[in-house]
Every structure is written in C-alpha cells, then in structure tokens.
C-alpha cells in the first residue's frame, strides 16, 4: 500500500506496508469504491493520526475502535470530528471528565488536532468504515496494522501514557509493558457506560503527573477555538 505519511512512521512500519495483508486490504478498499461504496474518512486521512503524531513525539495514546460512519464526521483521529460537526456523545463525556478533573471548560467543538500535535496519538483500531455501516471494515487487516503501531510505541525509548477505555481497548493493548509505561483503564465514555466507571477516572491529571515525573511536558487538554466553515 503506497501512502503519504510521516517518514519516521513509514520507516518504522515498512514491513507492514509491504506485507500481503496490507496489499489485500488495499485491494478490498479499491473494490469497495469501484462498487460505489462511500468510505470514511477520505483516503488522504486514513493515516492522519500517525501523520500528526510521529513515533518519537508520542506521549499519550488514546485508543478507539472504528471511525465515525456519519457524513462529515471522521477525519482520521479517534473520538474527533470536524469543527462544524456536532460533538458526539462519547466526546461530550470526555470533556465532562476533563472539566471535573482539571477544571477546563468543555470545548465548543470536537476537533482534537491540537491534542495530536502535542503528542496524543488518537488511534482507532480500524482506520476505515463504510458510510452508515458501523464496524463494516473490521477483520480486513487494519487491526494487525494498528497492533504494529502500538508495538512500536511500546518499544520506543520514552515512557508513554496509554488511556484504555472499555474492554476492547484494554484487550488490544494488553501487551503494553506496564513496568515502563503508565496504563490507565476505565469504562468507555459512551453514555451507556460512562456513569459506571469512566466519570471520576481522573486519567488526564494522572497522565500529566506521570509525564512531569519523567521530565516530559504535560498535555494542554484545553482546546483552542477553531474557525468555523463559512
């Protein structure tokens, strides 16, 4: 699969891009498009999370599952939506927890690129989805690729915070070395589970404290206002 991507990630994942499963995944995506299927996010944003957060810049990893499958939502970062899109319920709850934990008022948009540019890897397990068809690209190879991404972060030189929300994320990153990295676990921020173990987790203050103890700059979880499309 030929991709336009940060060179350090491209080098770190060269064996994955050259593997037969990735060629099969590319063929699947091309075939779906040829049948008229609409795939989110757009092709230039499949690897947006990696492009914004090079491997040696990663300080925090937040794991999602699939991209949003509604029009205009997905742009390559888990939990994030474009500035003009209504904030999804799980992200509303993430903002509530940040407010409770750090006193930061909830942002007025759901665009999380500011976090990514500071070293928060906002990685979905599966990087594409068919429009209006949740989980439609699971089991096609993306999971193996994103496992390799997590393994590269796990093996990197610097300690990293992993925020694992929900059973899926916790299982996916179960191999992370907890003697080197801080692994924070909670329920998923979905409205179905946030009140039974996400609210009150204080992951954001714990992450910044860990980074400070290790001589790394904390994350500014406050999101700047962004321009709205005309």
Protein backbone atom coordinates (compact mmCIF):
# COMPACT_ATOMS: atom_id res chain seq x y z
CA UNK A 1 0.00 0.00 0.00
CA UNK A 2 1.55 3.30 -1.13
CA UNK A 3 0.88 6.08 1.37
CA UNK A 4 1.81 9.67 2.01
CA UNK A 5 2.89 9.58 5.62
CA UNK A 6 5.37 10.95 8.15
CA UNK A 7 8.71 9.45 7.14
CA UNK A 8 9.58 8.09 10.59
CA UNK A 9 6.32 6.13 10.77
CA UNK A 10 6.78 4.97 7.20
CA UNK A 11 10.21 3.60 8.08
CA UNK A 12 9.03 2.02 11.34
CA UNK A 13 6.11 0.28 9.62
CA UNK A 14 7.77 -0.55 6.29
CA UNK A 15 7.40 -4.30 6.80
CA UNK A 16 3.68 -3.87 7.50
CA UNK A 17 3.06 -1.77 4.38
CA UNK A 18 4.86 -4.41 2.30
CA UNK A 19 3.01 -7.36 3.84
CA UNK A 20 0.43 -9.38 1.88
CA UNK A 21 -2.37 -8.49 4.30
CA UNK A 22 -1.93 -4.79 3.57
CA UNK A 23 -1.97 -5.40 -0.17
CA UNK A 24 -5.19 -7.37 0.33
CA UNK A 25 -6.63 -4.52 2.39
CA UNK A 26 -5.80 -2.02 -0.35
CA UNK A 27 -7.47 -4.28 -2.93
CA UNK A 28 -10.56 -4.53 -0.72
CA UNK A 29 -10.83 -0.75 -0.35
CA UNK A 30 -10.38 -0.18 -4.08
CA UNK A 31 -13.01 -2.82 -4.85
CA UNK A 32 -15.49 -1.26 -2.43
CA UNK A 33 -15.00 2.16 -4.02
CA UNK A 34 -15.43 0.69 -7.51
CA UNK A 35 -18.81 -0.66 -6.38
CA UNK A 36 -19.89 2.83 -5.40
CA UNK A 37 -19.38 2.43 -1.67
CA UNK A 38 -18.56 5.60 0.25
CA UNK A 39 -15.69 5.10 2.67
CA UNK A 40 -14.81 7.32 5.64
CA UNK A 41 -12.51 9.05 6.24
CA UNK A 42 -11.25 10.13 2.84
CA UNK A 43 -8.13 8.38 1.58
CA UNK A 44 -5.75 11.21 2.42
CA UNK A 45 -6.80 10.94 6.08
CA UNK A 46 -6.56 7.17 6.69
CA UNK A 47 -3.24 7.74 8.49
CA UNK A 48 -3.89 11.23 9.82
CA UNK A 49 -3.29 10.20 13.44
CA UNK A 50 0.18 8.93 12.55
CA UNK A 51 0.99 11.92 10.37
CA UNK A 52 0.20 14.40 13.15
CA UNK A 53 1.98 12.41 15.88
CA UNK A 54 5.33 10.91 14.79
CA UNK A 55 6.55 7.92 16.82
CA UNK A 56 9.18 9.77 18.83
CA UNK A 57 6.68 12.53 19.68
CA UNK A 58 4.08 10.19 21.24
CA UNK A 59 3.46 10.96 24.91
CA UNK A 60 -0.13 9.67 25.29
CA UNK A 61 -2.07 7.01 23.38
CA UNK A 62 -5.88 7.03 23.30
CA UNK A 63 -7.39 4.01 21.56
CA UNK A 64 -10.69 4.00 19.72
CA UNK A 65 -12.35 1.23 17.72
CA UNK A 66 -13.79 2.43 14.37
CA UNK A 67 -14.13 5.77 12.59
CA UNK A 68 -17.46 7.55 12.80
CA UNK A 69 -19.67 6.44 9.91
CA UNK A 70 -21.83 9.56 9.51
CA UNK A 71 -21.34 12.15 6.81
CA UNK A 72 -18.56 14.65 7.51
CA UNK A 73 -17.55 13.24 10.89
CA UNK A 74 -14.43 11.10 10.55
CA UNK A 75 -11.11 12.72 9.69
CA UNK A 76 -8.59 10.17 10.92
CA UNK A 77 -8.43 10.78 14.69
CA UNK A 78 -10.36 8.66 17.17
CA UNK A 79 -13.16 10.47 19.05
CA UNK A 80 -12.56 13.62 16.94
CA UNK A 81 -14.90 15.25 14.42
CA UNK A 82 -14.56 18.22 12.10
CA UNK A 83 -15.17 21.66 13.62
CA UNK A 84 -18.61 22.14 12.08
CA UNK A 85 -19.95 18.75 13.22
CA UNK A 86 -21.99 18.23 16.38
CA UNK A 87 -19.86 16.88 19.25
CA UNK A 88 -20.54 13.12 19.62
CA UNK A 89 -21.88 11.84 22.96
CA UNK A 90 -18.69 10.00 23.98
CA UNK A 91 -16.60 13.11 23.40
CA UNK A 92 -19.11 15.19 25.37
CA UNK A 93 -18.43 12.83 28.28
CA UNK A 94 -14.66 13.06 27.78
CA UNK A 95 -14.97 16.85 28.04
CA UNK A 96 -17.05 16.48 31.21
CA UNK A 97 -14.33 14.35 32.78
CA UNK A 98 -11.60 16.82 31.78
CA UNK A 99 -13.68 19.60 33.36
CA UNK A 100 -14.15 17.62 36.56
CA UNK A 101 -10.51 16.52 36.66
CA UNK A 102 -8.68 19.68 35.59
CA UNK A 103 -11.28 22.45 35.70
CA UNK A 104 -11.04 23.04 31.94
CA UNK A 105 -14.40 24.12 30.48
CA UNK A 106 -15.74 21.89 27.69
CA UNK A 107 -14.69 22.89 24.20
CA UNK A 108 -17.31 24.23 21.82
CA UNK A 109 -16.21 21.86 19.04
CA UNK A 110 -14.99 18.27 18.68
CA UNK A 111 -11.82 18.87 16.66
CA UNK A 112 -8.90 17.25 18.53
CA UNK A 113 -5.94 18.03 16.27
CA UNK A 114 -4.43 20.25 18.98
CA UNK A 115 -4.00 17.17 21.19
CA UNK A 116 -2.49 15.16 18.34
CA UNK A 117 0.06 17.88 17.59
CA UNK A 118 1.17 17.79 21.25
CA UNK A 119 1.87 14.06 21.18
CA UNK A 120 -1.50 12.43 21.84
CA UNK A 121 -1.81 9.53 19.40
CA UNK A 122 -5.55 9.32 18.69
CA UNK A 123 -5.57 5.87 17.14
CA UNK A 124 -8.54 3.83 16.01
CA UNK A 125 -8.09 0.07 15.78
CA UNK A 126 -9.76 0.07 12.35
CA UNK A 127 -8.96 3.03 10.12
CA UNK A 128 -11.83 2.96 7.62
CA UNK A 129 -15.56 2.31 7.58
CA UNK A 130 -18.35 2.22 5.04
CA UNK A 131 -20.81 5.09 5.21
CA UNK A 132 -23.71 4.36 7.57
CA UNK A 133 -22.39 0.85 8.29
CA UNK A 134 -20.71 0.59 11.67
CA UNK A 135 -17.85 -1.93 12.03
CA UNK A 136 -18.08 -2.77 8.32
CA UNK A 137 -14.29 -2.92 7.84
CA UNK A 138 -13.43 -4.94 10.91
CA UNK A 139 -11.41 -8.09 10.25
CA UNK A 140 -9.95 -6.80 6.98
CA UNK A 141 -6.42 -6.24 8.27
CA UNK A 142 -6.45 -2.88 9.97
CA UNK A 143 -6.31 -4.48 13.42
CA UNK A 144 -2.98 -6.15 12.61
CA UNK A 145 -1.59 -2.87 11.32
CA UNK A 146 -2.63 -0.88 14.39
CA UNK A 147 -1.26 -3.62 16.66
CA UNK A 148 2.09 -2.93 14.98
CA UNK A 149 1.67 0.79 15.67
CA UNK A 150 1.06 0.13 19.36
CA UNK A 151 4.02 -2.26 19.47
CA UNK A 152 6.27 0.45 18.01
CA UNK A 153 5.17 2.89 20.70
CA UNK A 154 5.58 0.23 23.39
CA UNK A 155 9.15 -0.44 22.25
CA UNK A 156 10.10 3.23 21.94
CA UNK A 157 12.68 4.88 24.18
CA UNK A 158 10.35 7.16 26.15
CA UNK A 159 7.67 6.29 28.72
CA UNK A 160 4.15 6.79 27.40
CA UNK A 161 0.66 7.01 28.92
CA UNK A 162 -1.92 4.61 27.49
CA UNK A 163 -5.56 5.53 28.13
CA UNK A 164 -7.57 2.37 27.57
CA UNK A 165 -11.31 2.98 27.76
CA UNK A 166 -13.51 -0.06 27.53
CA UNK A 167 -12.84 -3.78 27.21
CA UNK A 168 -11.94 -3.59 23.52
CA UNK A 169 -9.09 -1.11 24.01
CA UNK A 170 -7.86 -2.90 27.11
CA UNK A 171 -7.66 -6.23 25.29
CA UNK A 172 -5.97 -4.71 22.25
CA UNK A 173 -3.18 -3.12 24.29
CA UNK A 174 -2.84 -5.90 26.86
CA UNK A 175 0.78 -6.50 25.83
CA UNK A 176 1.97 -2.99 26.74
CA UNK A 177 4.88 -3.04 29.22
CA UNK A 178 3.43 -1.64 32.41
CA UNK A 179 6.85 -1.54 34.06
CA UNK A 180 7.82 1.27 31.66
CA UNK A 181 4.56 2.88 30.64
CA UNK A 182 1.54 4.15 32.57
CA UNK A 183 -1.54 2.13 31.60
CA UNK A 184 -4.79 3.76 32.70
CA UNK A 185 -8.01 1.74 32.41
CA UNK A 186 -11.64 2.82 32.71
CA UNK A 187 -15.03 2.11 31.25
CA UNK A 188 -15.79 3.52 27.82
CA UNK A 189 -17.03 7.16 27.80
CA UNK A 190 -20.14 6.15 25.87
CA UNK A 191 -23.41 7.26 27.54
CA UNK A 192 -24.10 3.56 28.07
CA UNK A 193 -21.13 3.11 30.40
CA UNK A 194 -19.64 6.46 31.40
CA UNK A 195 -21.51 6.59 34.71
CA UNK A 196 -20.27 3.14 35.73
CA UNK A 197 -16.54 3.73 35.67
CA UNK A 198 -15.43 6.49 33.29
CA UNK A 199 -16.55 9.56 35.21
CA UNK A 200 -14.13 10.12 38.06
CA UNK A 201 -11.26 8.19 36.48
CA UNK A 202 -9.03 11.30 36.54
CA UNK A 203 -6.93 9.99 33.68
CA UNK A 204 -5.98 13.43 32.41
CA UNK A 205 -4.38 14.68 35.62
CA UNK A 206 -2.73 11.28 36.14
CA UNK A 207 -1.27 11.42 32.63
CA UNK A 208 0.20 14.88 33.15
CA UNK A 209 1.63 13.94 36.55
CA UNK A 210 3.33 10.88 35.03
CA UNK A 211 4.78 12.93 32.18
CA UNK A 212 6.11 15.53 34.61
CA UNK A 213 7.72 12.84 36.78
CA UNK A 214 9.53 11.59 33.71
CA UNK A 215 10.76 15.00 32.62
CA UNK A 216 8.26 15.36 29.79
CA UNK A 217 5.99 18.30 29.07
CA UNK A 218 2.36 17.82 30.12
CA UNK A 219 -0.50 17.91 27.64
CA UNK A 220 -2.59 21.07 27.43
CA UNK A 221 -6.03 19.45 27.31
CA UNK A 222 -7.74 22.80 26.70
CA UNK A 223 -8.72 23.01 23.03
CA UNK A 224 -8.36 26.34 21.22
CA UNK A 225 -11.29 27.69 19.29
CA UNK A 226 -11.18 26.83 15.60
CA UNK A 227 -12.57 28.67 12.64
CA UNK A 228 -15.98 27.51 11.52
CA UNK A 229 -16.51 26.95 7.79
CA UNK A 230 -18.38 29.75 6.04
